[in-house]
């Protein structure tokens, strides 16, 4: 069973929250904010590499903020 497999190789856990959707424009996961390459390499990364990824994640969140209003808002229309 998949749950029997340990997910933690080191002291730095994966930031995965099981919302695995890649944003089409930003190319990062909307759940954990990692790139596809970071997700794929996570189990092979050193602790220092994982720390570097974890440190970058908070700066990525604003990239996924959805604009509100679309074209009508930009054009000043109601």
PDB file of N, CA and C in Angstrom:
ATOM      1  N   UNK A   1       0.841  -1.168   0.000  1.00  0.00           N
ATOM      2  CA  UNK A   1       0.000   0.000   0.000  1.00  0.00           C
ATOM      3  C   UNK A   1       0.896   1.244   0.000  1.00  0.00           C
ATOM      4  N   UNK A   2       0.503   2.277  -0.711  1.00  0.00           N
ATOM      5  CA  UNK A   2       1.307   3.478  -0.864  1.00  0.00           C
ATOM      6  C   UNK A   2       1.577   4.158   0.473  1.00  0.00           C
ATOM      7  N   UNK A   3       0.624   4.151   1.390  1.00  0.00           N
ATOM      8  CA  UNK A   3       0.803   4.813   2.681  1.00  0.00           C
ATOM      9  C   UNK A   3       1.881   4.158   3.529  1.00  0.00           C
ATOM     10  N   UNK A   4       2.274   2.933   3.225  1.00  0.00           N
ATOM     11  CA  UNK A   4       3.307   2.239   3.981  1.00  0.00           C
ATOM     12  C   UNK A   4       4.713   2.684   3.587  1.00  0.00           C
ATOM     13  N   UNK A   5       4.828   3.418   2.481  1.00  0.00           N
ATOM     14  CA  UNK A   5       6.128   3.860   2.000  1.00  0.00           C
ATOM     15  C   UNK A   5       6.499   5.156   2.711  1.00  0.00           C
ATOM     16  N   UNK A   6       7.649   5.196   3.369  1.00  0.00           N
ATOM     17  CA  UNK A   6       8.042   6.437   4.039  1.00  0.00           C
ATOM     18  C   UNK A   6       8.274   7.556   3.042  1.00  0.00           C
ATOM     19  N   UNK A   7       7.768   8.753   3.329  1.00  0.00           N
ATOM     20  CA  UNK A   7       7.903   9.893   2.441  1.00  0.00           C
ATOM     21  C   UNK A   7       9.066  10.781   2.853  1.00  0.00           C
ATOM     22  N   UNK A   8       9.664  10.480   3.984  1.00  0.00           N
ATOM     23  CA  UNK A   8      10.668  11.360   4.541  1.00  0.00           C
ATOM     24  C   UNK A   8      12.024  10.689   4.547  1.00  0.00           C
ATOM     25  N   UNK A   9      12.938  11.197   3.745  1.00  0.00           N
ATOM     26  CA  UNK A   9      14.288  10.652   3.691  1.00  0.00           C
ATOM     27  C   UNK A   9      15.207  11.432   4.617  1.00  0.00           C
ATOM     28  N   UNK A  10      14.873  12.658   4.859  1.00  0.00           N
ATOM     29  CA  UNK A  10      15.696  13.509   5.701  1.00  0.00           C
ATOM     30  C   UNK A  10      14.798  14.261   6.665  1.00  0.00           C
ATOM     31  N   UNK A  11      15.359  15.249   7.328  1.00  0.00           N
ATOM     32  CA  UNK A  11      14.592  16.031   8.281  1.00  0.00           C
ATOM     33  C   UNK A  11      13.712  17.083   7.641  1.00  0.00           C
ATOM     34  N   UNK A  12      13.752  17.234   6.326  1.00  0.00           N
ATOM     35  CA  UNK A  12      12.960  18.257   5.652  1.00  0.00           C
ATOM     36  C   UNK A  12      11.847  17.589   4.867  1.00  0.00           C
ATOM     37  N   UNK A  13      10.628  17.761   5.363  1.00  0.00           N
ATOM     38  CA  UNK A  13       9.480  17.127   4.730  1.00  0.00           C
ATOM     39  C   UNK A  13       9.087  17.842   3.442  1.00  0.00           C
ATOM     40  N   UNK A  14       8.433  17.104   2.585  1.00  0.00           N
ATOM     41  CA  UNK A  14       7.893  17.667   1.357  1.00  0.00           C
ATOM     42  C   UNK A  14       6.796  18.673   1.701  1.00  0.00           C
ATOM     43  N   UNK A  15       6.732  19.790   0.970  1.00  0.00           N
ATOM     44  CA  UNK A  15       5.663  20.763   1.201  1.00  0.00           C
ATOM     45  C   UNK A  15       4.339  20.366   0.535  1.00  0.00           C
ATOM     46  N   UNK A  16       4.296  19.186  -0.064  1.00  0.00           N
ATOM     47  CA  UNK A  16       3.097  18.723  -0.766  1.00  0.00           C
ATOM     48  C   UNK A  16       1.889  18.707   0.169  1.00  0.00           C
ATOM     49  N   UNK A  17       0.761  19.265  -0.328  1.00  0.00           N
ATOM     50  CA  UNK A  17      -0.485  19.235   0.437  1.00  0.00           C
ATOM     51  C   UNK A  17      -1.577  18.498  -0.341  1.00  0.00           C
ATOM     52  N   UNK A  18      -1.153  17.706  -1.319  1.00  0.00           N
ATOM     53  CA  UNK A  18      -2.052  16.875  -2.129  1.00  0.00           C
ATOM     54  C   UNK A  18      -3.071  17.673  -2.934  1.00  0.00           C
ATOM     55  N   UNK A  19      -2.679  18.864  -3.349  1.00  0.00           N
ATOM     56  CA  UNK A  19      -3.449  19.641  -4.322  1.00  0.00           C
ATOM     57  C   UNK A  19      -2.506  19.814  -5.503  1.00  0.00           C
ATOM     58  N   UNK A  20      -2.445  18.815  -6.334  1.00  0.00           N
ATOM     59  CA  UNK A  20      -1.431  18.749  -7.385  1.00  0.00           C
ATOM     60  C   UNK A  20      -1.995  19.223  -8.718  1.00  0.00           C
ATOM     61  N   UNK A  21      -1.926  20.543  -8.911  1.00  0.00           N
ATOM     62  CA  UNK A  21      -2.391  21.158 -10.153  1.00  0.00           C
ATOM     63  C   UNK A  21      -1.318  22.140 -10.594  1.00  0.00           C
ATOM     64  N   UNK A  22      -0.806  21.957 -11.785  1.00  0.00           N
ATOM     65  CA  UNK A  22       0.231  22.845 -12.302  1.00  0.00           C
ATOM     66  C   UNK A  22      -0.422  24.039 -12.983  1.00  0.00           C
ATOM     67  N   UNK A  23      -0.088  25.233 -12.526  1.00  0.00           N
ATOM     68  CA  UNK A  23      -0.609  26.467 -13.108  1.00  0.00           C
ATOM     69  C   UNK A  23      -0.065  26.579 -14.536  1.00  0.00           C
ATOM     70  N   UNK A  24      -0.939  26.758 -15.522  1.00  0.00           N
ATOM     71  CA  UNK A  24      -0.492  26.712 -16.912  1.00  0.00           C
ATOM     72  C   UNK A  24       0.489  27.820 -17.303  1.00  0.00           C
ATOM     73  N   UNK A  25       0.345  29.001 -16.748  1.00  0.00           N
ATOM     74  CA  UNK A  25       1.237  30.096 -17.117  1.00  0.00           C
ATOM     75  C   UNK A  25       2.499  30.122 -16.257  1.00  0.00           C
ATOM     76  N   UNK A  26       2.352  29.914 -14.969  1.00  0.00           N
ATOM     77  CA  UNK A  26       3.494  30.017 -14.054  1.00  0.00           C
ATOM     78  C   UNK A  26       4.317  28.732 -13.976  1.00  0.00           C
ATOM     79  N   UNK A  27       3.723  27.614 -14.358  1.00  0.00           N
ATOM     80  CA  UNK A  27       4.401  26.307 -14.362  1.00  0.00           C
ATOM     81  C   UNK A  27       4.855  25.877 -12.968  1.00  0.00           C
ATOM     82  N   UNK A  28       4.054  26.232 -11.951  1.00  0.00           N
ATOM     83  CA  UNK A  28       4.306  25.759 -10.593  1.00  0.00           C
ATOM     84  C   UNK A  28       3.031  25.135 -10.057  1.00  0.00           C
ATOM     85  N   UNK A  29       3.187  24.236  -9.091  1.00  0.00           N
ATOM     86  CA  UNK A  29       2.044  23.570  -8.483  1.00  0.00           C
ATOM     87  C   UNK A  29       1.270  24.580  -7.637  1.00  0.00           C
ATOM     88  N   UNK A  30      -0.036  24.623  -7.799  1.00  0.00           N
ATOM     89  CA  UNK A  30      -0.853  25.560  -7.037  1.00  0.00           C
ATOM     90  C   UNK A  30      -0.982  25.136  -5.580  1.00  0.00           C
ATOM     91  N   UNK A  31      -0.651  23.901  -5.274  1.00  0.00           N
ATOM     92  CA  UNK A  31      -0.721  23.428  -3.893  1.00  0.00           C
ATOM     93  C   UNK A  31       0.546  23.694  -3.105  1.00  0.00           C
ATOM     94  N   UNK A  32       1.669  23.227  -3.613  1.00  0.00           N
ATOM     95  CA  UNK A  32       2.936  23.329  -2.863  1.00  0.00           C
ATOM     96  C   UNK A  32       3.877  24.400  -3.399  1.00  0.00           C
ATOM     97  N   UNK A  33       3.567  24.967  -4.556  1.00  0.00           N
ATOM     98  CA  UNK A  33       4.330  26.050  -5.182  1.00  0.00           C
ATOM     99  C   UNK A  33       5.678  25.624  -5.761  1.00  0.00           C
ATOM    100  N   UNK A  34       5.917  24.315  -5.870  1.00  0.00           N
ATOM    101  CA  UNK A  34       7.170  23.846  -6.470  1.00  0.00           C
ATOM    102  C   UNK A  34       6.996  23.696  -7.978  1.00  0.00           C
ATOM    103  N   UNK A  35       8.130  23.735  -8.676  1.00  0.00           N
ATOM    104  CA  UNK A  35       8.119  23.472 -10.115  1.00  0.00           C
ATOM    105  C   UNK A  35       8.008  21.963 -10.338  1.00  0.00           C
ATOM    106  N   UNK A  36       7.708  21.584 -11.562  1.00  0.00           N
ATOM    107  CA  UNK A  36       7.641  20.159 -11.888  1.00  0.00           C
ATOM    108  C   UNK A  36       8.998  19.506 -11.637  1.00  0.00           C
ATOM    109  N   UNK A  37      10.081  20.179 -12.016  1.00  0.00           N
ATOM    110  CA  UNK A  37      11.422  19.621 -11.790  1.00  0.00           C
ATOM    111  C   UNK A  37      11.710  19.443 -10.304  1.00  0.00           C
ATOM    112  N   UNK A  38      11.325  20.415  -9.488  1.00  0.00           N
ATOM    113  CA  UNK A  38      11.552  20.300  -8.039  1.00  0.00           C
ATOM    114  C   UNK A  38      10.760  19.143  -7.449  1.00  0.00           C
ATOM    115  N   UNK A  39       9.530  18.970  -7.908  1.00  0.00           N
ATOM    116  CA  UNK A  39       8.709  17.858  -7.427  1.00  0.00           C
ATOM    117  C   UNK A  39       9.360  16.535  -7.803  1.00  0.00           C
ATOM    118  N   UNK A  40       9.794  16.423  -9.046  1.00  0.00           N
ATOM    119  CA  UNK A  40      10.397  15.178  -9.530  1.00  0.00           C
ATOM    120  C   UNK A  40      11.712  14.865  -8.830  1.00  0.00           C
ATOM    121  N   UNK A  41      12.491  15.877  -8.510  1.00  0.00           N
ATOM    122  CA  UNK A  41      13.816  15.675  -7.915  1.00  0.00           C
ATOM    123  C   UNK A  41      13.813  15.623  -6.387  1.00  0.00           C
ATOM    124  N   UNK A  42      12.691  15.947  -5.755  1.00  0.00           N
ATOM    125  CA  UNK A  42      12.645  16.110  -4.296  1.00  0.00           C
ATOM    126  C   UNK A  42      13.294  14.949  -3.537  1.00  0.00           C
ATOM    127  N   UNK A  43      12.979  13.739  -3.898  1.00  0.00           N
ATOM    128  CA  UNK A  43      13.493  12.580  -3.146  1.00  0.00           C
ATOM    129  C   UNK A  43      15.003  12.396  -3.316  1.00  0.00           C
ATOM    130  N   UNK A  44      15.579  13.022  -4.337  1.00  0.00           N
ATOM    131  CA  UNK A  44      17.016  12.912  -4.577  1.00  0.00           C
ATOM    132  C   UNK A  44      17.786  14.159  -4.136  1.00  0.00           C
ATOM    133  N   UNK A  45      17.078  15.174  -3.659  1.00  0.00           N
ATOM    134  CA  UNK A  45      17.735  16.416  -3.240  1.00  0.00           C
ATOM    135  C   UNK A  45      18.415  16.251  -1.885  1.00  0.00           C
ATOM    136  N   UNK A  46      19.487  16.999  -1.719  1.00  0.00           N
ATOM    137  CA  UNK A  46      20.138  17.063  -0.412  1.00  0.00           C
ATOM    138  C   UNK A  46      19.306  17.961   0.501  1.00  0.00           C
ATOM    139  N   UNK A  47      19.605  17.917   1.789  1.00  0.00           N
ATOM    140  CA  UNK A  47      18.897  18.795   2.718  1.00  0.00           C
ATOM    141  C   UNK A  47      19.104  20.264   2.362  1.00  0.00           C
ATOM    142  N   UNK A  48      20.304  20.630   1.940  1.00  0.00           N
ATOM    143  CA  UNK A  48      20.571  22.022   1.564  1.00  0.00           C
ATOM    144  C   UNK A  48      19.749  22.439   0.347  1.00  0.00           C
ATOM    145  N   UNK A  49      19.623  21.540  -0.631  1.00  0.00           N
ATOM    146  CA  UNK A  49      18.809  21.838  -1.806  1.00  0.00           C
ATOM    147  C   UNK A  49      17.341  21.982  -1.412  1.00  0.00           C
ATOM    148  N   UNK A  50      16.879  21.119  -0.530  1.00  0.00           N
ATOM    149  CA  UNK A  50      15.494  21.211  -0.071  1.00  0.00           C
ATOM    150  C   UNK A  50      15.254  22.507   0.693  1.00  0.00           C
ATOM    151  N   UNK A  51      16.206  22.878   1.532  1.00  0.00           N
ATOM    152  CA  UNK A  51      16.073  24.144   2.274  1.00  0.00           C
ATOM    153  C   UNK A  51      15.980  25.333   1.312  1.00  0.00           C
ATOM    154  N   UNK A  52      16.772  25.302   0.262  1.00  0.00           N
ATOM    155  CA  UNK A  52      16.747  26.388  -0.725  1.00  0.00           C
ATOM    156  C   UNK A  52      15.381  26.475  -1.404  1.00  0.00           C
ATOM    157  N   UNK A  53      14.814  25.334  -1.768  1.00  0.00           N
ATOM    158  CA  UNK A  53      13.482  25.322  -2.382  1.00  0.00           C
ATOM    159  C   UNK A  53      12.456  25.856  -1.386  1.00  0.00           C
ATOM    160  N   UNK A  54      12.498  25.359  -0.161  1.00  0.00           N
ATOM    161  CA  UNK A  54      11.538  25.788   0.865  1.00  0.00           C
ATOM    162  C   UNK A  54      11.631  27.293   1.109  1.00  0.00           C
ATOM    163  N   UNK A  55      12.838  27.839   1.075  1.00  0.00           N
ATOM    164  CA  UNK A  55      13.027  29.279   1.289  1.00  0.00           C
ATOM    165  C   UNK A  55      12.419  30.101   0.149  1.00  0.00           C
ATOM    166  N   UNK A  56      12.400  29.545  -1.063  1.00  0.00           N
ATOM    167  CA  UNK A  56      11.856  30.244  -2.226  1.00  0.00           C
ATOM    168  C   UNK A  56      10.330  30.205  -2.305  1.00  0.00           C
ATOM    169  N   UNK A  57       9.701  29.242  -1.675  1.00  0.00           N
ATOM    170  CA  UNK A  57       8.261  29.035  -1.843  1.00  0.00           C
ATOM    171  C   UNK A  57       7.408  30.248  -1.466  1.00  0.00           C
ATOM    172  N   UNK A  58       7.637  30.918  -0.342  1.00  0.00           N
ATOM    173  CA  UNK A  58       6.768  32.059   0.002  1.00  0.00           C
ATOM    174  C   UNK A  58       6.761  33.163  -1.058  1.00  0.00           C
ATOM    175  N   UNK A  59       7.869  33.358  -1.743  1.00  0.00           N
ATOM    176  CA  UNK A  59       7.933  34.392  -2.782  1.00  0.00           C
ATOM    177  C   UNK A  59       7.164  34.007  -4.040  1.00  0.00           C
ATOM    178  N   UNK A  60       6.823  32.748  -4.182  1.00  0.00           N
ATOM    179  CA  UNK A  60       6.105  32.283  -5.380  1.00  0.00           C
ATOM    180  C   UNK A  60       4.596  32.456  -5.264  1.00  0.00           C
ATOM    181  N   UNK A  61       4.068  32.480  -4.065  1.00  0.00           N
ATOM    182  CA  UNK A  61       2.616  32.548  -3.868  1.00  0.00           C
ATOM    183  C   UNK A  61       1.969  33.734  -4.589  1.00  0.00           C
ATOM    184  N   UNK A  62       2.543  34.935  -4.541  1.00  0.00           N
ATOM    185  CA  UNK A  62       1.906  36.059  -5.242  1.00  0.00           C
ATOM    186  C   UNK A  62       1.767  35.849  -6.747  1.00  0.00           C
ATOM    187  N   UNK A  63       2.583  34.999  -7.315  1.00  0.00           N
ATOM    188  CA  UNK A  63       2.500  34.734  -8.757  1.00  0.00           C
ATOM    189  C   UNK A  63       1.192  34.060  -9.137  1.00  0.00           C
ATOM    190  N   UNK A  64       0.511  33.455  -8.172  1.00  0.00           N
ATOM    191  CA  UNK A  64      -0.725  32.729  -8.465  1.00  0.00           C
ATOM    192  C   UNK A  64      -1.975  33.516  -8.121  1.00  0.00           C
ATOM    193  N   UNK A  65      -1.816  34.734  -7.641  1.00  0.00           N
ATOM    194  CA  UNK A  65      -2.999  35.533  -7.302  1.00  0.00           C
ATOM    195  C   UNK A  65      -3.798  35.818  -8.561  1.00  0.00           C
ATOM    196  N   UNK A  66      -5.081  35.575  -8.462  1.00  0.00           N
ATOM    197  CA  UNK A  66      -5.961  35.749  -9.603  1.00  0.00           C
ATOM    198  C   UNK A  66      -6.372  37.210  -9.733  1.00  0.00           C
ATOM    199  N   UNK A  67      -6.280  37.726 -10.951  1.00  0.00           N
ATOM    200  CA  UNK A  67      -6.766  39.076 -11.191  1.00  0.00           C
ATOM    201  C   UNK A  67      -8.277  39.065 -11.177  1.00  0.00           C
ATOM    202  N   UNK A  68      -8.846  40.121 -10.691  1.00  0.00           N
ATOM    203  CA  UNK A  68     -10.304  40.227 -10.616  1.00  0.00           C
ATOM    204  C   UNK A  68     -10.814  41.253 -11.625  1.00  0.00           C
ATOM    205  N   UNK A  69     -11.878  40.952 -12.290  1.00  0.00           N
ATOM    206  CA  UNK A  69     -12.546  41.928 -13.137  1.00  0.00           C
ATOM    207  C   UNK A  69     -12.318  41.769 -14.628  1.00  0.00           C
ATOM    208  N   UNK A  70     -11.207  41.198 -15.004  1.00  0.00           N
ATOM    209  CA  UNK A  70     -10.949  40.954 -16.415  1.00  0.00           C
ATOM    210  C   UNK A  70     -10.911  42.207 -17.260  1.00  0.00           C
ATOM    211  N   UNK A  71     -11.286  42.073 -18.497  1.00  0.00           N
ATOM    212  CA  UNK A  71     -11.206  43.169 -19.468  1.00  0.00           C
ATOM    213  C   UNK A  71     -12.091  44.342 -19.091  1.00  0.00           C
ATOM    214  N   UNK A  72     -13.282  44.084 -18.591  1.00  0.00           N
ATOM    215  CA  UNK A  72     -14.203  45.161 -18.224  1.00  0.00           C
ATOM    216  C   UNK A  72     -13.589  46.065 -17.155  1.00  0.00           C
ATOM    217  N   UNK A  73     -12.920  45.494 -16.193  1.00  0.00           N
ATOM    218  CA  UNK A  73     -12.289  46.295 -15.139  1.00  0.00           C
ATOM    219  C   UNK A  73     -11.139  47.129 -15.706  1.00  0.00           C
ATOM    220  N   UNK A  74     -10.363  46.544 -16.599  1.00  0.00           N
ATOM    221  CA  UNK A  74      -9.247  47.288 -17.205  1.00  0.00           C
ATOM    222  C   UNK A  74      -9.737  48.444 -18.065  1.00  0.00           C
ATOM    223  N   UNK A  75     -10.868  48.268 -18.696  1.00  0.00           N
ATOM    224  CA  UNK A  75     -11.407  49.285 -19.590  1.00  0.00           C
ATOM    225  C   UNK A  75     -12.291  50.297 -18.845  1.00  0.00           C
ATOM    226  N   UNK A  76     -12.514  50.090 -17.536  1.00  0.00           N
ATOM    227  CA  UNK A  76     -13.336  51.000 -16.764  1.00  0.00           C
ATOM    228  C   UNK A  76     -14.832  50.840 -17.039  1.00  0.00           C
ATOM    229  N   UNK A  77     -15.225  49.684 -17.583  1.00  0.00           N
ATOM    230  CA  UNK A  77     -16.626  49.426 -17.884  1.00  0.00           C
ATOM    231  C   UNK A  77     -17.291  48.717 -16.727  1.00  0.00           C
ATOM    232  N   UNK A  78     -18.604  48.777 -16.705  1.00  0.00           N
ATOM    233  CA  UNK A  78     -19.362  48.046 -15.681  1.00  0.00           C
ATOM    234  C   UNK A  78     -19.952  46.799 -16.268  1.00  0.00           C
TER     235      UNK A  78
END
